[in-house]
Amino acid sequence: MRTIFAEQGVPTKYARAQLIAGQVSELSPLLPPPRKIWMSEDARMSLFEAAALAWIAYGEQKASAE
C-alpha cells in the first residue's frame, strides 16, 4: 500500500489520511491533527488506513474490469 501511494506522491500515513479526507467529506471531521514525533498514533488513523486499503482494492478491481 505504501508503494502505491508513494508513486502518487503521497508518502506518509498522514498524507494518505489527508487525501482520503479530501475525497470523502464524511471522513474529514475524523482526521486527527498532525502528531508530534513523541506522540503515539491516534486511534482514528486506523480508519483512514482501512479506507486507503479499500480505495486500492476498488481501483485494482476497476482497472481489471476495463
Protein backbone atom coordinates (compact mmCIF):
# COMPACT_ATOMS: atom_id res chain seq x y z
CA MET A 1 0.00 0.00 0.00
CA ARG A 2 2.84 2.35 0.86
CA THR A 3 4.39 1.87 -2.57
CA ILE A 4 1.18 2.55 -4.47
CA PHE A 5 0.54 5.81 -2.65
CA ALA A 6 4.20 6.85 -2.81
CA GLU A 7 4.01 6.58 -6.59
CA GLN A 8 1.14 9.07 -6.43
CA GLY A 9 3.24 11.49 -4.35
CA VAL A 10 1.62 10.57 -1.03
CA PRO A 11 4.48 9.11 1.04
CA THR A 12 3.18 9.17 4.63
CA LYS A 13 0.23 7.79 6.56
CA TYR A 14 -0.91 11.27 7.45
CA ALA A 15 -0.71 12.40 3.82
CA ARG A 16 -2.82 9.37 2.83
CA ALA A 17 -5.35 10.28 5.52
CA GLN A 18 -5.48 13.87 4.24
CA LEU A 19 -6.03 12.66 0.69
CA ILE A 20 -8.86 10.36 1.73
CA ALA A 21 -10.44 13.01 3.97
CA GLY A 22 -10.37 15.37 0.99
CA GLN A 23 -12.12 12.84 -1.24
CA VAL A 24 -14.63 11.51 1.30
CA SER A 25 -16.18 14.50 3.04
CA GLU A 26 -17.83 12.35 5.71
CA LEU A 27 -14.39 11.37 7.00
CA SER A 28 -12.87 14.86 7.10
CA PRO A 29 -14.11 15.69 10.63
CA LEU A 30 -12.43 12.49 11.85
CA LEU A 31 -8.98 13.46 10.59
CA PRO A 32 -6.75 13.80 13.65
CA PRO A 33 -4.28 16.68 13.91
CA PRO A 34 -0.70 16.01 12.81
CA ARG A 35 1.18 14.23 15.56
CA LYS A 36 4.44 15.26 17.08
CA ILE A 37 7.29 12.77 16.99
CA TRP A 38 6.90 11.95 20.69
CA MET A 39 3.14 11.33 20.47
CA SER A 40 1.58 7.95 19.84
CA GLU A 41 -0.54 7.47 16.75
CA ASP A 42 -4.17 8.49 17.07
CA ALA A 43 -6.59 5.55 17.00
CA ARG A 44 -8.56 7.24 14.21
CA MET A 45 -5.66 6.69 11.81
CA SER A 46 -6.67 3.02 11.53
CA LEU A 47 -9.96 4.19 9.99
CA PHE A 48 -8.03 6.01 7.27
CA GLU A 49 -5.71 3.05 6.72
CA ALA A 50 -8.76 0.83 6.17
CA ALA A 51 -10.22 3.38 3.77
CA ALA A 52 -6.91 3.51 1.87
CA LEU A 53 -6.88 -0.26 1.56
CA ALA A 54 -10.45 -0.25 0.25
CA TRP A 55 -9.53 2.54 -2.17
CA ILE A 56 -6.67 0.44 -3.57
CA ALA A 57 -8.81 -2.70 -3.83
CA TYR A 58 -11.57 -0.80 -5.62
CA GLY A 59 -9.06 0.77 -8.01
CA GLU A 60 -7.49 -2.57 -8.86
CA GLN A 61 -10.89 -4.19 -9.35
CA LYS A 62 -11.99 -1.33 -11.59
CA ALA A 63 -8.76 -1.50 -13.62
CA SER A 64 -9.05 -5.25 -14.17
CA ALA A 65 -12.65 -4.86 -15.36
CA GLU A 66 -11.58 -2.41 -18.07
